[in-house]
Amino acid sequence: MNRLVRLNRWHWLLIASLLFPGAPLIWAQAPAAIDQPAVATPPPTSTAGPQPLPATGTGMAVGLSEEELQQLAQQVDSDAANAEEAPVRGQIDFLSLLLQGGAMMIPIGLMSLLVVAVALERLFALRAGALLPRGLRRELVRVGDLPPRQIPPALAAAVRRYRCVTTRIVADLLPKIGRPLPELEHAIGDSAQHEADLLYNNVRWLTLAAAVTPLIGLLGTVWGMIIAFYNTTQLGAGTNKAEFLAEGIYVALVTTLGGLAVAIPAAITAHYFEGKITNTVGAIEQQLKRLALRLESLEGKLRWSSEANQLVPIDVAARNEPMAGDVPTPKRQSVAS
């Protein structure tokens, strides 16, 4: 029978090849398909998710009651609501959290206002025009190229024209002209240190805020944790004490956060101002000391007279005004016996 079937198949293949040129390719696979036993293939699986259940005539899924369908719908709705609320739970209202910090946030807020006020004041006071104006810098360079006898009048004219830190140091230098060079350099250094101390006065408030504000925040945190632990011990049975304690602790840590938020900018600002004062005053001191080298030739010959506003011989200056740096002794009153 198999030979008959195979013989008939080849006859049909010959006939089909004459009628359809592409038929031999299809019929060539027929013997393997016929000779192999039939194997049951599993039903295809879908990866597109669960398929909807077929509904009966009453609109109810097969195998599920109406109550189970309602519970399933409620569970889907609750999962969707939780998914929408999940991103919102991670957000923190920083302003409301600061208000929950308690009374310790008041001094921290005052310290922040102090830091802002002092920083703005020092930015204005330490501008280049108040320390070493550009015009005065060019004037000092020009004066350094003058002959030694013309340097003191030019410096006096610059003192009258500009009002800044540099001219105040120059004003302290003028009475020392005619003295030895070490004394001139010492006068410049003392005057520069005095001006630096005046400039650094308000910067000390920034240093104070950077040191004290974290301690105030730490004090508020310790006090808040004490209150949180005490309130936790007063809770009744059945209350979630861990959640209550965690809330009290994170609220107590707000004061430490506020203290650090004020102290870190204050410390950075104080360091910046201190470096600017040191560098600027140091540059002024070095420039004036180089200028004092040009005045060494006037030592023991001429002095600067503030009354005559000019250089005078040393003997005339000694008769008309006291030596610079000497304290005039008051006249003693005679006491009648």
C-alpha atoms as a PDB file:
ATOM      1  CA  MET A   1       0.000   0.000   0.000  1.00  0.00           C
ATOM      2  CA  ASN A   2       2.849   2.351   0.791  1.00  0.00           C
ATOM      3  CA  ARG A   3       4.434   1.585  -2.584  1.00  0.00           C
ATOM      4  CA  LEU A   4       1.106   2.358  -4.285  1.00  0.00           C
ATOM      5  CA  VAL A   5       0.732   5.595  -2.379  1.00  0.00           C
ATOM      6  CA  ARG A   6       4.323   6.536  -3.141  1.00  0.00           C
ATOM      7  CA  LEU A   7       3.857   5.591  -6.802  1.00  0.00           C
ATOM      8  CA  ASN A   8       0.701   7.625  -7.043  1.00  0.00           C
ATOM      9  CA  ARG A   9       2.424  10.535  -5.355  1.00  0.00           C
ATOM     10  CA  TRP A  10       5.254  10.590  -7.866  1.00  0.00           C
ATOM     11  CA  HIS A  11       2.757  10.438 -10.654  1.00  0.00           C
ATOM     12  CA  TRP A  12       0.953  13.422  -9.223  1.00  0.00           C
ATOM     13  CA  LEU A  13       4.311  15.206  -8.745  1.00  0.00           C
ATOM     14  CA  LEU A  14       5.136  14.707 -12.412  1.00  0.00           C
ATOM     15  CA  ILE A  15       1.728  16.005 -13.453  1.00  0.00           C
ATOM     16  CA  ALA A  16       1.989  19.022 -11.094  1.00  0.00           C
ATOM     17  CA  SER A  17       5.503  19.870 -12.347  1.00  0.00           C
ATOM     18  CA  LEU A  18       4.118  20.084 -15.845  1.00  0.00           C
ATOM     19  CA  LEU A  19       1.250  22.339 -14.774  1.00  0.00           C
ATOM     20  CA  PHE A  20       3.029  24.428 -12.045  1.00  0.00           C
ATOM     21  CA  PRO A  21       6.828  24.946 -12.234  1.00  0.00           C
ATOM     22  CA  GLY A  22       7.173  25.632  -8.468  1.00  0.00           C
ATOM     23  CA  ALA A  23       5.209  22.604  -7.305  1.00  0.00           C
ATOM     24  CA  PRO A  24       8.217  20.168  -7.020  1.00  0.00           C
ATOM     25  CA  LEU A  25       9.683  22.225  -4.171  1.00  0.00           C
ATOM     26  CA  ILE A  26       6.548  21.767  -2.101  1.00  0.00           C
ATOM     27  CA  TRP A  27       6.050  18.124  -2.982  1.00  0.00           C
ATOM     28  CA  ALA A  28       9.708  17.320  -2.219  1.00  0.00           C
ATOM     29  CA  GLN A  29       8.964  17.794   1.503  1.00  0.00           C
ATOM     30  CA  ALA A  30       5.884  15.552   1.424  1.00  0.00           C
ATOM     31  CA  PRO A  31       7.627  12.168   2.065  1.00  0.00           C
ATOM     32  CA  ALA A  32       9.244  13.338   5.303  1.00  0.00           C
ATOM     33  CA  ALA A  33       5.959  14.766   6.523  1.00  0.00           C
ATOM     34  CA  ILE A  34       4.053  11.599   5.706  1.00  0.00           C
ATOM     35  CA  ASP A  35       6.662   9.154   7.077  1.00  0.00           C
ATOM     36  CA  GLN A  36       7.047  10.990  10.461  1.00  0.00           C
ATOM     37  CA  PRO A  37       4.494  10.127  13.156  1.00  0.00           C
ATOM     38  CA  ALA A  38       2.166  12.866  14.275  1.00  0.00           C
ATOM     39  CA  VAL A  39       3.371  14.724  17.397  1.00  0.00           C
ATOM     40  CA  ALA A  40       1.005  16.735  19.516  1.00  0.00           C
ATOM     41  CA  THR A  41       2.163  20.366  19.674  1.00  0.00           C
ATOM     42  CA  PRO A  42       1.418  22.470  22.772  1.00  0.00           C
ATOM     43  CA  PRO A  43      -0.909  25.420  22.399  1.00  0.00           C
ATOM     44  CA  PRO A  44       0.856  28.737  21.663  1.00  0.00           C
ATOM     45  CA  THR A  45       1.600  30.915  24.678  1.00  0.00           C
ATOM     46  CA  SER A  46       1.021  34.653  24.604  1.00  0.00           C
ATOM     47  CA  THR A  47       3.397  37.118  26.275  1.00  0.00           C
ATOM     48  CA  ALA A  48       1.103  40.065  25.928  1.00  0.00           C
ATOM     49  CA  GLY A  49      -0.360  39.630  29.425  1.00  0.00           C
ATOM     50  CA  PRO A  50      -3.438  37.929  30.781  1.00  0.00           C
ATOM     51  CA  GLN A  51      -6.279  37.614  28.305  1.00  0.00           C
ATOM     52  CA  PRO A  52      -9.781  38.659  29.346  1.00  0.00           C
ATOM     53  CA  LEU A  53     -12.013  35.882  30.507  1.00  0.00           C
ATOM     54  CA  PRO A  54     -14.852  34.930  28.190  1.00  0.00           C
ATOM     55  CA  ALA A  55     -18.109  36.305  29.413  1.00  0.00           C
ATOM     56  CA  THR A  56     -21.305  34.367  29.750  1.00  0.00           C
ATOM     57  CA  GLY A  57     -24.671  35.520  28.696  1.00  0.00           C
ATOM     58  CA  THR A  58     -25.233  37.316  32.021  1.00  0.00           C
ATOM     59  CA  GLY A  59     -21.952  39.417  31.664  1.00  0.00           C
ATOM     60  CA  MET A  60     -20.070  37.415  34.369  1.00  0.00           C
ATOM     61  CA  ALA A  61     -16.641  35.768  33.798  1.00  0.00           C
ATOM     62  CA  VAL A  62     -16.487  32.042  33.795  1.00  0.00           C
ATOM     63  CA  GLY A  63     -15.417  30.632  37.197  1.00  0.00           C
ATOM     64  CA  LEU A  64     -15.667  34.005  39.117  1.00  0.00           C
ATOM     65  CA  SER A  65     -18.576  35.227  41.140  1.00  0.00           C
ATOM     66  CA  GLU A  66     -19.794  38.803  41.218  1.00  0.00           C
ATOM     67  CA  GLU A  67     -18.257  39.446  44.675  1.00  0.00           C
ATOM     68  CA  GLU A  68     -14.833  38.241  43.523  1.00  0.00           C
ATOM     69  CA  LEU A  69     -15.020  40.548  40.514  1.00  0.00           C
ATOM     70  CA  GLN A  70     -15.818  43.515  42.773  1.00  0.00           C
ATOM     71  CA  GLN A  71     -12.895  42.687  45.089  1.00  0.00           C
ATOM     72  CA  LEU A  72     -10.565  42.423  42.090  1.00  0.00           C
ATOM     73  CA  ALA A  73     -11.712  45.815  40.784  1.00  0.00           C
ATOM     74  CA  GLN A  74     -11.186  47.428  44.214  1.00  0.00           C
ATOM     75  CA  GLN A  75      -7.675  45.982  44.436  1.00  0.00           C
ATOM     76  CA  VAL A  76      -6.788  47.374  40.996  1.00  0.00           C
ATOM     77  CA  ASP A  77      -8.091  50.821  42.002  1.00  0.00           C
ATOM     78  CA  SER A  78      -6.106  50.808  45.262  1.00  0.00           C
ATOM     79  CA  ASP A  79      -2.891  49.778  43.449  1.00  0.00           C
ATOM     80  CA  ALA A  80      -3.341  52.623  40.958  1.00  0.00           C
ATOM     81  CA  ALA A  81      -3.911  55.142  43.770  1.00  0.00           C
ATOM     82  CA  ASN A  82      -0.780  53.963  45.621  1.00  0.00           C
ATOM     83  CA  ALA A  83       1.267  54.248  42.440  1.00  0.00           C
ATOM     84  CA  GLU A  84       0.136  57.872  42.015  1.00  0.00           C
ATOM     85  CA  GLU A  85       0.892  58.793  45.647  1.00  0.00           C
ATOM     86  CA  ALA A  86       4.325  57.120  45.748  1.00  0.00           C
ATOM     87  CA  PRO A  87       6.321  60.068  44.244  1.00  0.00           C
ATOM     88  CA  VAL A  88       4.581  62.575  46.515  1.00  0.00           C
ATOM     89  CA  ARG A  89       5.642  60.812  49.727  1.00  0.00           C
ATOM     90  CA  GLY A  90       9.326  61.420  49.020  1.00  0.00           C
ATOM     91  CA  GLN A  91       8.889  65.217  48.812  1.00  0.00           C
ATOM     92  CA  ILE A  92       9.524  67.388  51.900  1.00  0.00           C
ATOM     93  CA  ASP A  93       8.193  70.883  52.407  1.00  0.00           C
ATOM     94  CA  PHE A  94      11.397  72.569  53.611  1.00  0.00           C
ATOM     95  CA  LEU A  95       9.695  75.737  54.844  1.00  0.00           C
ATOM     96  CA  SER A  96       7.167  73.878  56.993  1.00  0.00           C
ATOM     97  CA  LEU A  97       9.974  71.664  58.268  1.00  0.00           C
ATOM     98  CA  LEU A  98      11.942  74.749  59.383  1.00  0.00           C
ATOM     99  CA  LEU A  99       8.891  76.063  61.203  1.00  0.00           C
ATOM    100  CA  GLN A 100       8.686  72.777  63.102  1.00  0.00           C
ATOM    101  CA  GLY A 101      12.250  73.253  64.378  1.00  0.00           C
ATOM    102  CA  GLY A 102      11.033  75.084  67.462  1.00  0.00           C
ATOM    103  CA  ALA A 103      12.340  78.084  69.356  1.00  0.00           C
ATOM    104  CA  MET A 104      15.982  77.316  68.543  1.00  0.00           C
ATOM    105  CA  MET A 105      15.341  78.329  64.945  1.00  0.00           C
ATOM    106  CA  ILE A 106      14.912  81.966  66.096  1.00  0.00           C
ATOM    107  CA  PRO A 107      18.581  82.594  67.049  1.00  0.00           C
ATOM    108  CA  ILE A 108      19.672  80.644  63.960  1.00  0.00           C
ATOM    109  CA  GLY A 109      17.502  82.933  61.812  1.00  0.00           C
ATOM    110  CA  LEU A 110      18.977  86.010  63.506  1.00  0.00           C
ATOM    111  CA  MET A 111      22.480  84.687  62.858  1.00  0.00           C
ATOM    112  CA  SER A 112      21.638  84.234  59.193  1.00  0.00           C
ATOM    113  CA  LEU A 113      20.503  87.867  58.968  1.00  0.00           C
ATOM    114  CA  LEU A 114      23.739  88.954  60.685  1.00  0.00           C
ATOM    115  CA  VAL A 115      25.843  86.956  58.226  1.00  0.00           C
ATOM    116  CA  VAL A 116      24.067  88.475  55.220  1.00  0.00           C
ATOM    117  CA  ALA A 117      24.341  92.030  56.585  1.00  0.00           C
ATOM    118  CA  VAL A 118      28.040  91.761  57.471  1.00  0.00           C
ATOM    119  CA  ALA A 119      28.876  90.096  54.149  1.00  0.00           C
ATOM    120  CA  LEU A 120      27.223  92.883  52.168  1.00  0.00           C
ATOM    121  CA  GLU A 121      28.897  95.572  54.291  1.00  0.00           C
ATOM    122  CA  ARG A 122      32.344  94.025  53.885  1.00  0.00           C
ATOM    123  CA  LEU A 123      31.856  93.610  50.150  1.00  0.00           C
ATOM    124  CA  PHE A 124      31.262  97.345  49.913  1.00  0.00           C
ATOM    125  CA  ALA A 125      34.046  98.297  52.350  1.00  0.00           C
ATOM    126  CA  LEU A 126      36.690  96.057  50.758  1.00  0.00           C
ATOM    127  CA  ARG A 127      36.128  97.177  47.202  1.00  0.00           C
ATOM    128  CA  ALA A 128      39.188  98.228  45.246  1.00  0.00           C
ATOM    129  CA  GLY A 129      38.274 101.923  45.416  1.00  0.00           C
ATOM    130  CA  ALA A 130      38.391 101.866  49.228  1.00  0.00           C
ATOM    131  CA  LEU A 131      41.725 100.053  49.502  1.00  0.00           C
ATOM    132  CA  LEU A 132      43.912 101.009  46.546  1.00  0.00           C
ATOM    133  CA  PRO A 133      42.163 102.923  43.756  1.00  0.00           C
ATOM    134  CA  ARG A 134      43.407 102.425  40.231  1.00  0.00           C
ATOM    135  CA  GLY A 135      44.340 106.104  39.867  1.00  0.00           C
ATOM    136  CA  LEU A 136      46.386 106.018  43.077  1.00  0.00           C
ATOM    137  CA  ARG A 137      48.179 102.887  41.897  1.00  0.00           C
ATOM    138  CA  ARG A 138      49.251 104.669  38.734  1.00  0.00           C
ATOM    139  CA  GLU A 139      50.225 107.712  40.812  1.00  0.00           C
ATOM    140  CA  LEU A 140      52.507 105.631  43.045  1.00  0.00           C
ATOM    141  CA  VAL A 141      54.187 104.120  40.019  1.00  0.00           C
ATOM    142  CA  ARG A 142      54.758 107.594  38.590  1.00  0.00           C
ATOM    143  CA  VAL A 143      56.054 108.901  41.927  1.00  0.00           C
ATOM    144  CA  GLY A 144      58.583 106.070  42.105  1.00  0.00           C
ATOM    145  CA  ASP A 145      60.299 107.447  38.989  1.00  0.00           C
ATOM    146  CA  LEU A 146      60.692 110.990  40.407  1.00  0.00           C
ATOM    147  CA  PRO A 147      63.841 112.334  42.054  1.00  0.00           C
ATOM    148  CA  PRO A 148      63.950 111.740  45.834  1.00  0.00           C
ATOM    149  CA  ARG A 149      63.335 115.419  46.700  1.00  0.00           C
ATOM    150  CA  GLN A 150      60.108 115.453  44.616  1.00  0.00           C
ATOM    151  CA  ILE A 151      58.659 112.258  46.073  1.00  0.00           C
ATOM    152  CA  PRO A 152      57.371 113.677  49.432  1.00  0.00           C
ATOM    153  CA  PRO A 153      55.377 116.578  47.826  1.00  0.00           C
ATOM    154  CA  ALA A 154      53.850 114.164  45.315  1.00  0.00           C
ATOM    155  CA  LEU A 155      52.872 111.793  48.113  1.00  0.00           C
ATOM    156  CA  ALA A 156      51.311 114.650  50.088  1.00  0.00           C
ATOM    157  CA  ALA A 157      49.289 115.678  47.039  1.00  0.00           C
ATOM    158  CA  ALA A 158      48.059 112.074  46.623  1.00  0.00           C
ATOM    159  CA  VAL A 159      47.015 111.995  50.287  1.00  0.00           C
ATOM    160  CA  ARG A 160      44.904 115.113  49.785  1.00  0.00           C
ATOM    161  CA  ARG A 161      43.368 113.776  46.555  1.00  0.00           C
ATOM    162  CA  TYR A 162      42.433 110.250  47.666  1.00  0.00           C
ATOM    163  CA  ARG A 163      40.750 108.964  50.833  1.00  0.00           C
ATOM    164  CA  CYS A 164      41.564 105.288  51.247  1.00  0.00           C
ATOM    165  CA  VAL A 165      43.632 102.810  53.238  1.00  0.00           C
ATOM    166  CA  THR A 166      46.771 103.425  51.202  1.00  0.00           C
ATOM    167  CA  THR A 167      46.778 107.189  51.711  1.00  0.00           C
ATOM    168  CA  ARG A 168      46.340 106.751  55.459  1.00  0.00           C
ATOM    169  CA  ILE A 169      49.483 104.609  55.525  1.00  0.00           C
ATOM    170  CA  VAL A 170      51.289 107.213  53.393  1.00  0.00           C
ATOM    171  CA  ALA A 171      50.168 109.927  55.817  1.00  0.00           C
ATOM    172  CA  ASP A 172      51.873 108.017  58.642  1.00  0.00           C
ATOM    173  CA  LEU A 173      54.988 107.647  56.488  1.00  0.00           C
ATOM    174  CA  LEU A 174      55.476 111.354  55.652  1.00  0.00           C
ATOM    175  CA  PRO A 175      56.575 112.495  59.156  1.00  0.00           C
ATOM    176  CA  LYS A 176      59.217 109.747  59.168  1.00  0.00           C
ATOM    177  CA  ILE A 177      60.987 111.012  56.025  1.00  0.00           C
ATOM    178  CA  GLY A 178      64.623 111.836  56.791  1.00  0.00           C
ATOM    179  CA  ARG A 179      65.009 109.058  59.350  1.00  0.00           C
ATOM    180  CA  PRO A 180      66.862 105.753  58.825  1.00  0.00           C
ATOM    181  CA  LEU A 181      65.369 103.243  56.401  1.00  0.00           C
ATOM    182  CA  PRO A 182      64.552 100.583  59.052  1.00  0.00           C
ATOM    183  CA  GLU A 183      62.504 103.177  60.898  1.00  0.00           C
ATOM    184  CA  LEU A 184      60.585 104.006  57.716  1.00  0.00           C
ATOM    185  CA  GLU A 185      59.860 100.352  57.055  1.00  0.00           C
ATOM    186  CA  HIS A 186      58.781  99.849  60.654  1.00  0.00           C
ATOM    187  CA  ALA A 187      56.395 102.806  60.407  1.00  0.00           C
ATOM    188  CA  ILE A 188      54.892 101.404  57.208  1.00  0.00           C
ATOM    189  CA  GLY A 189      54.443  97.945  58.771  1.00  0.00           C
ATOM    190  CA  ASP A 190      52.801  99.304  61.935  1.00  0.00           C
ATOM    191  CA  SER A 191      50.405 101.490  59.979  1.00  0.00           C
ATOM    192  CA  ALA A 192      49.512  98.636  57.607  1.00  0.00           C
ATOM    193  CA  GLN A 193      48.834  96.285  60.525  1.00  0.00           C
ATOM    194  CA  HIS A 194      46.621  98.900  62.148  1.00  0.00           C
ATOM    195  CA  GLU A 195      44.597  99.336  58.955  1.00  0.00           C
ATOM    196  CA  ALA A 196      44.278  95.561  58.539  1.00  0.00           C
ATOM    197  CA  ASP A 197      42.926  95.253  62.072  1.00  0.00           C
ATOM    198  CA  LEU A 198      40.332  97.938  61.349  1.00  0.00           C
ATOM    199  CA  LEU A 199      39.274  96.162  58.165  1.00  0.00           C
ATOM    200  CA  TYR A 200      39.055  92.828  59.959  1.00  0.00           C
ATOM    201  CA  ASN A 201      36.831  94.092  62.797  1.00  0.00           C
ATOM    202  CA  ASN A 202      33.483  93.244  61.185  1.00  0.00           C
ATOM    203  CA  VAL A 203      34.825  90.005  59.706  1.00  0.00           C
ATOM    204  CA  ARG A 204      35.052  88.682  63.259  1.00  0.00           C
ATOM    205  CA  TRP A 205      31.249  88.598  63.365  1.00  0.00           C
ATOM    206  CA  LEU A 206      31.303  86.108  60.496  1.00  0.00           C
ATOM    207  CA  THR A 207      33.816  83.973  62.373  1.00  0.00           C
ATOM    208  CA  LEU A 208      31.600  84.118  65.452  1.00  0.00           C
ATOM    209  CA  ALA A 209      28.542  83.052  63.461  1.00  0.00           C
ATOM    210  CA  ALA A 210      30.462  80.172  61.869  1.00  0.00           C
ATOM    211  CA  ALA A 211      31.501  78.899  65.315  1.00  0.00           C
ATOM    212  CA  VAL A 212      28.337  79.473  67.363  1.00  0.00           C
ATOM    213  CA  THR A 213      25.506  78.637  64.940  1.00  0.00           C
ATOM    214  CA  PRO A 214      26.278  74.881  64.686  1.00  0.00           C
ATOM    215  CA  LEU A 215      26.346  74.688  68.477  1.00  0.00           C
ATOM    216  CA  ILE A 216      22.917  76.328  68.665  1.00  0.00           C
ATOM    217  CA  GLY A 217      21.623  73.828  66.106  1.00  0.00           C
ATOM    218  CA  LEU A 218      23.140  70.918  68.045  1.00  0.00           C
ATOM    219  CA  LEU A 219      21.558  72.189  71.246  1.00  0.00           C
ATOM    220  CA  GLY A 220      18.158  72.303  69.549  1.00  0.00           C
ATOM    221  CA  THR A 221      18.640  68.762  68.216  1.00  0.00           C
ATOM    222  CA  VAL A 222      19.545  67.355  71.633  1.00  0.00           C
ATOM    223  CA  TRP A 223      16.580  69.097  73.225  1.00  0.00           C
ATOM    224  CA  GLY A 224      14.242  67.875  70.481  1.00  0.00           C
ATOM    225  CA  MET A 225      15.423  64.269  70.865  1.00  0.00           C
ATOM    226  CA  ILE A 226      14.872  64.441  74.615  1.00  0.00           C
ATOM    227  CA  ILE A 227      11.312  65.624  74.012  1.00  0.00           C
ATOM    228  CA  ALA A 228      10.766  62.918  71.367  1.00  0.00           C
ATOM    229  CA  PHE A 229      11.913  60.104  73.646  1.00  0.00           C
ATOM    230  CA  TYR A 230       9.891  61.463  76.554  1.00  0.00           C
ATOM    231  CA  ASN A 231       6.715  61.700  74.475  1.00  0.00           C
ATOM    232  CA  THR A 232       7.290  58.167  73.189  1.00  0.00           C
ATOM    233  CA  THR A 233       7.310  56.808  76.735  1.00  0.00           C
ATOM    234  CA  GLN A 234       3.933  58.467  77.374  1.00  0.00           C
ATOM    235  CA  LEU A 235       2.184  56.643  74.504  1.00  0.00           C
ATOM    236  CA  GLY A 236      -0.376  53.985  75.315  1.00  0.00           C
ATOM    237  CA  ALA A 237      -0.391  50.361  74.299  1.00  0.00           C
ATOM    238  CA  GLY A 238      -1.122  49.583  70.665  1.00  0.00           C
ATOM    239  CA  THR A 239       0.477  52.792  69.346  1.00  0.00           C
ATOM    240  CA  ASN A 240       3.225  52.635  66.742  1.00  0.00           C
ATOM    241  CA  LYS A 241       6.034  54.012  68.921  1.00  0.00           C
ATOM    242  CA  ALA A 242       8.741  53.519  66.292  1.00  0.00           C
ATOM    243  CA  GLU A 243       6.975  55.744  63.778  1.00  0.00           C
ATOM    244  CA  PHE A 244       6.255  58.383  66.425  1.00  0.00           C
ATOM    245  CA  LEU A 245       9.886  58.371  67.585  1.00  0.00           C
ATOM    246  CA  ALA A 246      11.232  58.581  64.033  1.00  0.00           C
ATOM    247  CA  GLU A 247       9.078  61.634  63.346  1.00  0.00           C
ATOM    248  CA  GLY A 248      10.314  63.340  66.510  1.00  0.00           C
ATOM    249  CA  ILE A 249      13.959  62.638  65.664  1.00  0.00           C
ATOM    250  CA  TYR A 250      13.839  63.962  62.100  1.00  0.00           C
ATOM    251  CA  VAL A 251      12.087  67.127  63.295  1.00  0.00           C
ATOM    252  CA  ALA A 252      14.767  67.552  65.988  1.00  0.00           C
ATOM    253  CA  LEU A 253      17.527  67.301  63.370  1.00  0.00           C
ATOM    254  CA  VAL A 254      16.142  70.372  61.583  1.00  0.00           C
ATOM    255  CA  THR A 255      17.990  72.732  63.944  1.00  0.00           C
ATOM    256  CA  THR A 256      21.319  71.067  63.159  1.00  0.00           C
ATOM    257  CA  LEU A 257      20.559  71.418  59.458  1.00  0.00           C
ATOM    258  CA  GLY A 258      19.720  75.109  59.912  1.00  0.00           C
ATOM    259  CA  GLY A 259      22.866  75.735  61.958  1.00  0.00           C
ATOM    260  CA  LEU A 260      25.104  74.138  59.355  1.00  0.00           C
ATOM    261  CA  ALA A 261      23.311  75.961  56.529  1.00  0.00           C
ATOM    262  CA  VAL A 262      24.251  79.266  58.198  1.00  0.00           C
ATOM    263  CA  ALA A 263      27.721  78.335  59.499  1.00  0.00           C
ATOM    264  CA  ILE A 264      29.182  76.964  56.259  1.00  0.00           C
ATOM    265  CA  PRO A 265      28.566  80.139  54.152  1.00  0.00           C
ATOM    266  CA  ALA A 266      29.713  82.284  57.097  1.00  0.00           C
ATOM    267  CA  ALA A 267      33.009  80.378  57.370  1.00  0.00           C
ATOM    268  CA  ILE A 268      33.616  80.550  53.604  1.00  0.00           C
ATOM    269  CA  THR A 269      32.837  84.296  53.509  1.00  0.00           C
ATOM    270  CA  ALA A 270      35.075  85.041  56.511  1.00  0.00           C
ATOM    271  CA  HIS A 271      37.954  83.106  54.944  1.00  0.00           C
ATOM    272  CA  TYR A 272      37.501  85.006  51.666  1.00  0.00           C
ATOM    273  CA  PHE A 273      37.502  88.428  53.360  1.00  0.00           C
ATOM    274  CA  GLU A 274      40.477  87.536  55.547  1.00  0.00           C
ATOM    275  CA  GLY A 275      42.486  86.471  52.524  1.00  0.00           C
ATOM    276  CA  LYS A 276      41.507  89.585  50.588  1.00  0.00           C
ATOM    277  CA  ILE A 277      42.527  91.885  53.460  1.00  0.00           C
ATOM    278  CA  THR A 278      45.841  90.092  53.963  1.00  0.00           C
ATOM    279  CA  ASN A 279      46.759  90.081  50.284  1.00  0.00           C
ATOM    280  CA  THR A 280      45.702  93.667  49.562  1.00  0.00           C
ATOM    281  CA  VAL A 281      47.298  95.252  52.630  1.00  0.00           C
ATOM    282  CA  GLY A 282      50.437  93.162  52.064  1.00  0.00           C
ATOM    283  CA  ALA A 283      50.669  94.411  48.473  1.00  0.00           C
ATOM    284  CA  ILE A 284      50.252  98.018  49.636  1.00  0.00           C
ATOM    285  CA  GLU A 285      52.967  97.553  52.267  1.00  0.00           C
ATOM    286  CA  GLN A 286      55.432  96.098  49.804  1.00  0.00           C
ATOM    287  CA  GLN A 287      54.817  98.871  47.279  1.00  0.00           C
ATOM    288  CA  LEU A 288      55.375 101.578  49.888  1.00  0.00           C
ATOM    289  CA  LYS A 289      58.517  99.877  51.180  1.00  0.00           C
ATOM    290  CA  ARG A 290      59.957  99.907  47.666  1.00  0.00           C
ATOM    291  CA  LEU A 291      59.111 103.599  47.535  1.00  0.00           C
ATOM    292  CA  ALA A 292      60.840 104.162  50.888  1.00  0.00           C
ATOM    293  CA  LEU A 293      64.111 102.909  49.378  1.00  0.00           C
ATOM    294  CA  ARG A 294      64.101 105.991  47.161  1.00  0.00           C
ATOM    295  CA  LEU A 295      63.909 108.204  50.262  1.00  0.00           C
ATOM    296  CA  GLU A 296      67.037 106.771  51.852  1.00  0.00           C
ATOM    297  CA  SER A 297      69.140 109.547  50.345  1.00  0.00           C
ATOM    298  CA  LEU A 298      67.235 112.131  52.441  1.00  0.00           C
ATOM    299  CA  GLU A 299      68.306 110.526  55.717  1.00  0.00           C
ATOM    300  CA  GLY A 300      69.703 113.082  58.161  1.00  0.00           C
ATOM    301  CA  LYS A 301      69.306 115.962  55.667  1.00  0.00           C
ATOM    302  CA  LEU A 302      65.667 116.875  55.141  1.00  0.00           C
ATOM    303  CA  ARG A 303      62.395 116.344  56.969  1.00  0.00           C
ATOM    304  CA  TRP A 304      58.801 116.732  55.867  1.00  0.00           C
ATOM    305  CA  SER A 305      57.073 119.666  57.570  1.00  0.00           C
ATOM    306  CA  SER A 306      53.302 119.197  57.836  1.00  0.00           C
ATOM    307  CA  GLU A 307      52.836 122.916  58.606  1.00  0.00           C
ATOM    308  CA  ALA A 308      54.888 124.217  55.666  1.00  0.00           C
ATOM    309  CA  ASN A 309      53.798 121.258  53.509  1.00  0.00           C
ATOM    310  CA  GLN A 310      57.295 120.903  52.115  1.00  0.00           C
ATOM    311  CA  LEU A 311      60.723 119.512  52.831  1.00  0.00           C
ATOM    312  CA  VAL A 312      62.767 121.567  55.264  1.00  0.00           C
ATOM    313  CA  PRO A 313      66.308 121.148  56.612  1.00  0.00           C
ATOM    314  CA  ILE A 314      66.537 118.863  59.596  1.00  0.00           C
ATOM    315  CA  ASP A 315      67.640 121.626  61.993  1.00  0.00           C
ATOM    316  CA  VAL A 316      64.656 123.821  61.031  1.00  0.00           C
ATOM    317  CA  ALA A 317      62.265 120.905  61.489  1.00  0.00           C
ATOM    318  CA  ALA A 318      63.740 120.182  64.902  1.00  0.00           C
ATOM    319  CA  ARG A 319      63.123 123.774  66.030  1.00  0.00           C
ATOM    320  CA  ASN A 320      59.596 124.173  64.603  1.00  0.00           C
ATOM    321  CA  GLU A 321      57.953 120.829  65.436  1.00  0.00           C
ATOM    322  CA  PRO A 322      58.678 117.841  67.639  1.00  0.00           C
ATOM    323  CA  MET A 323      60.261 114.737  66.206  1.00  0.00           C
ATOM    324  CA  ALA A 324      57.741 112.361  64.667  1.00  0.00           C
ATOM    325  CA  GLY A 325      56.776 109.746  67.180  1.00  0.00           C
ATOM    326  CA  ASP A 326      57.779 111.880  70.191  1.00  0.00           C
ATOM    327  CA  VAL A 327      55.033 112.707  72.658  1.00  0.00           C
ATOM    328  CA  PRO A 328      55.049 116.394  73.586  1.00  0.00           C
ATOM    329  CA  THR A 329      55.398 116.819  77.345  1.00  0.00           C
ATOM    330  CA  PRO A 330      52.805 119.132  78.836  1.00  0.00           C
ATOM    331  CA  LYS A 331      54.042 122.179  80.711  1.00  0.00           C
ATOM    332  CA  ARG A 332      54.098 121.671  84.435  1.00  0.00           C
ATOM    333  CA  GLN A 333      52.148 124.195  86.434  1.00  0.00           C
ATOM    334  CA  SER A 334      53.966 125.742  89.329  1.00  0.00           C
ATOM    335  CA  VAL A 335      52.377 125.002  92.666  1.00  0.00           C
ATOM    336  CA  ALA A 336      52.487 127.874  95.172  1.00  0.00           C
ATOM    337  CA  SER A 337      53.937 126.819  98.459  1.00  0.00           C
END
